[in-house]
Amino acid sequence: MDRMNEHSQVSGLADLLEITTTVEHESEANRLAMDLVTQKLAACVQILGPIQSMYEWNGSVQNSSEFGLKLKVAPDSLNNVVSHLKKNHPYDLQEIVVHQVKASPEYADWVQKQRT
């Protein structure tokens, strides 16, 4: 597919944010997801896992089982979502990674409407 056709296919899509984070226990993932959805900070939270995470922490390599969360968020909700995660996340150092994504206009509209 050439660049011109690729761009024209994407241009009909709407902006959306997907935020990822991880927690150690499934119960923590469920609690965070429920809070985010019921407080209308995220339209949808997908919980993935368990997943294996490998990282260096305090000078040694760690290999731990975690649960991943993928939040679907309206762009203008970003600051409120990040603030909520920082206050309610069980980790001292939270993974909060924001991805700008494109979605169908219908799905993006649904995400936006979940805020009201």
C-alpha atoms as a PDB file:
ATOM      1  CA  MET A   1       0.000   0.000   0.000  1.00  0.00           C
ATOM      2  CA  ASP A   2       1.464   3.383  -0.904  1.00  0.00           C
ATOM      3  CA  ARG A   3       1.668   6.284   1.581  1.00  0.00           C
ATOM      4  CA  MET A   4      -1.191   8.195  -0.072  1.00  0.00           C
ATOM      5  CA  ASN A   5      -3.662   5.300   0.267  1.00  0.00           C
ATOM      6  CA  GLU A   6      -2.450   4.506   3.786  1.00  0.00           C
ATOM      7  CA  HIS A   7      -3.077   8.120   4.892  1.00  0.00           C
ATOM      8  CA  SER A   8      -6.550   8.291   3.331  1.00  0.00           C
ATOM      9  CA  GLN A   9      -7.622   5.123   5.180  1.00  0.00           C
ATOM     10  CA  VAL A  10      -6.442   6.491   8.547  1.00  0.00           C
ATOM     11  CA  SER A  11      -7.899   9.970   8.072  1.00  0.00           C
ATOM     12  CA  GLY A  12     -11.459   8.738   8.675  1.00  0.00           C
ATOM     13  CA  LEU A  13     -10.531   7.593  12.176  1.00  0.00           C
ATOM     14  CA  ALA A  14     -10.814   9.535  15.430  1.00  0.00           C
ATOM     15  CA  ASP A  15      -8.206  10.253  18.106  1.00  0.00           C
ATOM     16  CA  LEU A  16      -8.304   8.192  21.269  1.00  0.00           C
ATOM     17  CA  LEU A  17      -5.887   7.370  24.088  1.00  0.00           C
ATOM     18  CA  GLU A  18      -4.940   3.950  25.382  1.00  0.00           C
ATOM     19  CA  ILE A  19      -3.138   3.942  28.719  1.00  0.00           C
ATOM     20  CA  THR A  20      -1.312   0.876  29.983  1.00  0.00           C
ATOM     21  CA  THR A  21      -0.257  -0.022  33.495  1.00  0.00           C
ATOM     22  CA  THR A  22       0.530  -3.176  35.445  1.00  0.00           C
ATOM     23  CA  VAL A  23      -0.201  -4.452  38.950  1.00  0.00           C
ATOM     24  CA  GLU A  24       0.887  -7.531  40.883  1.00  0.00           C
ATOM     25  CA  HIS A  25      -2.481  -9.073  41.761  1.00  0.00           C
ATOM     26  CA  GLU A  26      -5.653  -9.697  39.788  1.00  0.00           C
ATOM     27  CA  SER A  27      -7.710  -8.254  42.661  1.00  0.00           C
ATOM     28  CA  GLU A  28      -5.772  -4.969  42.332  1.00  0.00           C
ATOM     29  CA  ALA A  29      -6.411  -4.943  38.579  1.00  0.00           C
ATOM     30  CA  ASN A  30     -10.123  -5.499  39.156  1.00  0.00           C
ATOM     31  CA  ARG A  31     -10.289  -2.760  41.791  1.00  0.00           C
ATOM     32  CA  LEU A  32      -8.507  -0.205  39.617  1.00  0.00           C
ATOM     33  CA  ALA A  33     -10.610  -1.121  36.572  1.00  0.00           C
ATOM     34  CA  MET A  34     -13.876  -0.840  38.525  1.00  0.00           C
ATOM     35  CA  ASP A  35     -12.863   2.529  39.994  1.00  0.00           C
ATOM     36  CA  LEU A  36     -11.862   3.939  36.613  1.00  0.00           C
ATOM     37  CA  VAL A  37     -15.067   2.825  34.881  1.00  0.00           C
ATOM     38  CA  THR A  38     -17.528   3.711  37.657  1.00  0.00           C
ATOM     39  CA  GLN A  39     -15.913   7.129  38.116  1.00  0.00           C
ATOM     40  CA  LYS A  40     -16.180   7.621  34.337  1.00  0.00           C
ATOM     41  CA  LEU A  41     -12.461   8.173  33.921  1.00  0.00           C
ATOM     42  CA  ALA A  42     -12.113   5.322  31.409  1.00  0.00           C
ATOM     43  CA  ALA A  43     -14.779   3.966  29.095  1.00  0.00           C
ATOM     44  CA  CYS A  44     -13.304   0.483  29.123  1.00  0.00           C
ATOM     45  CA  VAL A  45     -10.472  -1.300  30.915  1.00  0.00           C
ATOM     46  CA  GLN A  46      -9.163  -4.583  29.603  1.00  0.00           C
ATOM     47  CA  ILE A  47      -7.332  -6.779  32.086  1.00  0.00           C
ATOM     48  CA  LEU A  48      -4.670  -9.048  30.610  1.00  0.00           C
ATOM     49  CA  GLY A  49      -2.762 -11.737  32.348  1.00  0.00           C
ATOM     50  CA  PRO A  50      -1.099 -13.021  34.103  1.00  0.00           C
ATOM     51  CA  ILE A  51       1.845 -11.708  32.103  1.00  0.00           C
ATOM     52  CA  GLN A  52       5.562 -12.049  32.834  1.00  0.00           C
ATOM     53  CA  SER A  53       7.543  -8.862  33.337  1.00  0.00           C
ATOM     54  CA  MET A  54      11.322  -8.762  33.398  1.00  0.00           C
ATOM     55  CA  TYR A  55      13.061  -5.592  34.544  1.00  0.00           C
ATOM     56  CA  GLU A  56      15.971  -4.312  36.598  1.00  0.00           C
ATOM     57  CA  TRP A  57      15.072  -2.983  40.045  1.00  0.00           C
ATOM     58  CA  ASN A  58      17.513  -1.936  42.757  1.00  0.00           C
ATOM     59  CA  GLY A  59      20.472  -3.420  40.919  1.00  0.00           C
ATOM     60  CA  SER A  60      19.089  -6.877  40.152  1.00  0.00           C
ATOM     61  CA  VAL A  61      16.992  -8.345  37.379  1.00  0.00           C
ATOM     62  CA  GLN A  62      13.454  -9.200  38.466  1.00  0.00           C
ATOM     63  CA  ASN A  63      11.063 -11.639  36.794  1.00  0.00           C
ATOM     64  CA  SER A  64       7.547 -11.296  38.115  1.00  0.00           C
ATOM     65  CA  SER A  65       4.001 -12.204  37.272  1.00  0.00           C
ATOM     66  CA  GLU A  66       1.709  -9.201  36.802  1.00  0.00           C
ATOM     67  CA  PHE A  67      -1.637  -8.209  35.361  1.00  0.00           C
ATOM     68  CA  GLY A  68      -1.777  -5.626  32.591  1.00  0.00           C
ATOM     69  CA  LEU A  69      -4.503  -3.031  32.234  1.00  0.00           C
ATOM     70  CA  LYS A  70      -5.369  -1.273  28.957  1.00  0.00           C
ATOM     71  CA  LEU A  71      -7.567   1.783  29.505  1.00  0.00           C
ATOM     72  CA  LYS A  72      -9.585   3.373  26.688  1.00  0.00           C
ATOM     73  CA  VAL A  73      -9.739   7.097  27.435  1.00  0.00           C
ATOM     74  CA  ALA A  74     -10.979  10.294  25.787  1.00  0.00           C
ATOM     75  CA  PRO A  75      -8.009  12.625  25.146  1.00  0.00           C
ATOM     76  CA  ASP A  76      -9.381  15.376  27.402  1.00  0.00           C
ATOM     77  CA  SER A  77      -9.558  12.922  30.338  1.00  0.00           C
ATOM     78  CA  LEU A  78      -5.820  12.245  30.397  1.00  0.00           C
ATOM     79  CA  ASN A  79      -4.859  14.453  33.352  1.00  0.00           C
ATOM     80  CA  ASN A  80      -7.674  13.117  35.548  1.00  0.00           C
ATOM     81  CA  VAL A  81      -6.842   9.496  34.718  1.00  0.00           C
ATOM     82  CA  VAL A  82      -3.117   9.931  35.409  1.00  0.00           C
ATOM     83  CA  SER A  83      -3.888  11.709  38.684  1.00  0.00           C
ATOM     84  CA  HIS A  84      -6.240   8.886  39.730  1.00  0.00           C
ATOM     85  CA  LEU A  85      -3.661   6.217  38.873  1.00  0.00           C
ATOM     86  CA  LYS A  86      -0.911   7.995  40.819  1.00  0.00           C
ATOM     87  CA  LYS A  87      -3.137   8.237  43.909  1.00  0.00           C
ATOM     88  CA  ASN A  88      -4.654   4.740  43.763  1.00  0.00           C
ATOM     89  CA  HIS A  89      -2.006   2.511  42.184  1.00  0.00           C
ATOM     90  CA  PRO A  90      -0.410  -0.007  44.581  1.00  0.00           C
ATOM     91  CA  TYR A  91       3.150   0.433  43.226  1.00  0.00           C
ATOM     92  CA  ASP A  92       5.566   3.105  44.453  1.00  0.00           C
ATOM     93  CA  LEU A  93       6.685   3.573  40.835  1.00  0.00           C
ATOM     94  CA  GLN A  94       3.671   3.171  38.568  1.00  0.00           C
ATOM     95  CA  GLU A  95       3.953   2.205  34.943  1.00  0.00           C
ATOM     96  CA  ILE A  96       1.758   4.754  33.191  1.00  0.00           C
ATOM     97  CA  VAL A  97       2.302   4.649  29.439  1.00  0.00           C
ATOM     98  CA  VAL A  98       0.065   6.694  27.150  1.00  0.00           C
ATOM     99  CA  HIS A  99      -0.481   5.676  23.538  1.00  0.00           C
ATOM    100  CA  GLN A 100      -2.181   7.951  21.033  1.00  0.00           C
ATOM    101  CA  VAL A 101      -4.314   5.677  18.877  1.00  0.00           C
ATOM    102  CA  LYS A 102      -6.900   5.955  16.134  1.00  0.00           C
ATOM    103  CA  ALA A 103     -10.341   4.391  16.440  1.00  0.00           C
ATOM    104  CA  SER A 104     -13.498   4.194  14.422  1.00  0.00           C
ATOM    105  CA  PRO A 105     -15.536   7.377  14.884  1.00  0.00           C
ATOM    106  CA  GLU A 106     -18.367   5.348  16.395  1.00  0.00           C
ATOM    107  CA  TYR A 107     -16.138   3.767  19.038  1.00  0.00           C
ATOM    108  CA  ALA A 108     -14.415   7.061  19.844  1.00  0.00           C
ATOM    109  CA  ASP A 109     -17.832   8.689  20.230  1.00  0.00           C
ATOM    110  CA  TRP A 110     -18.902   5.926  22.635  1.00  0.00           C
ATOM    111  CA  VAL A 111     -15.710   6.438  24.681  1.00  0.00           C
ATOM    112  CA  GLN A 112     -16.404  10.182  24.840  1.00  0.00           C
ATOM    113  CA  LYS A 113     -20.032   9.621  25.928  1.00  0.00           C
ATOM    114  CA  GLN A 114     -18.997   7.394  28.843  1.00  0.00           C
ATOM    115  CA  ARG A 115     -17.651  10.501  30.575  1.00  0.00           C
ATOM    116  CA  THR A 116     -21.137  11.936  31.118  1.00  0.00           C
END
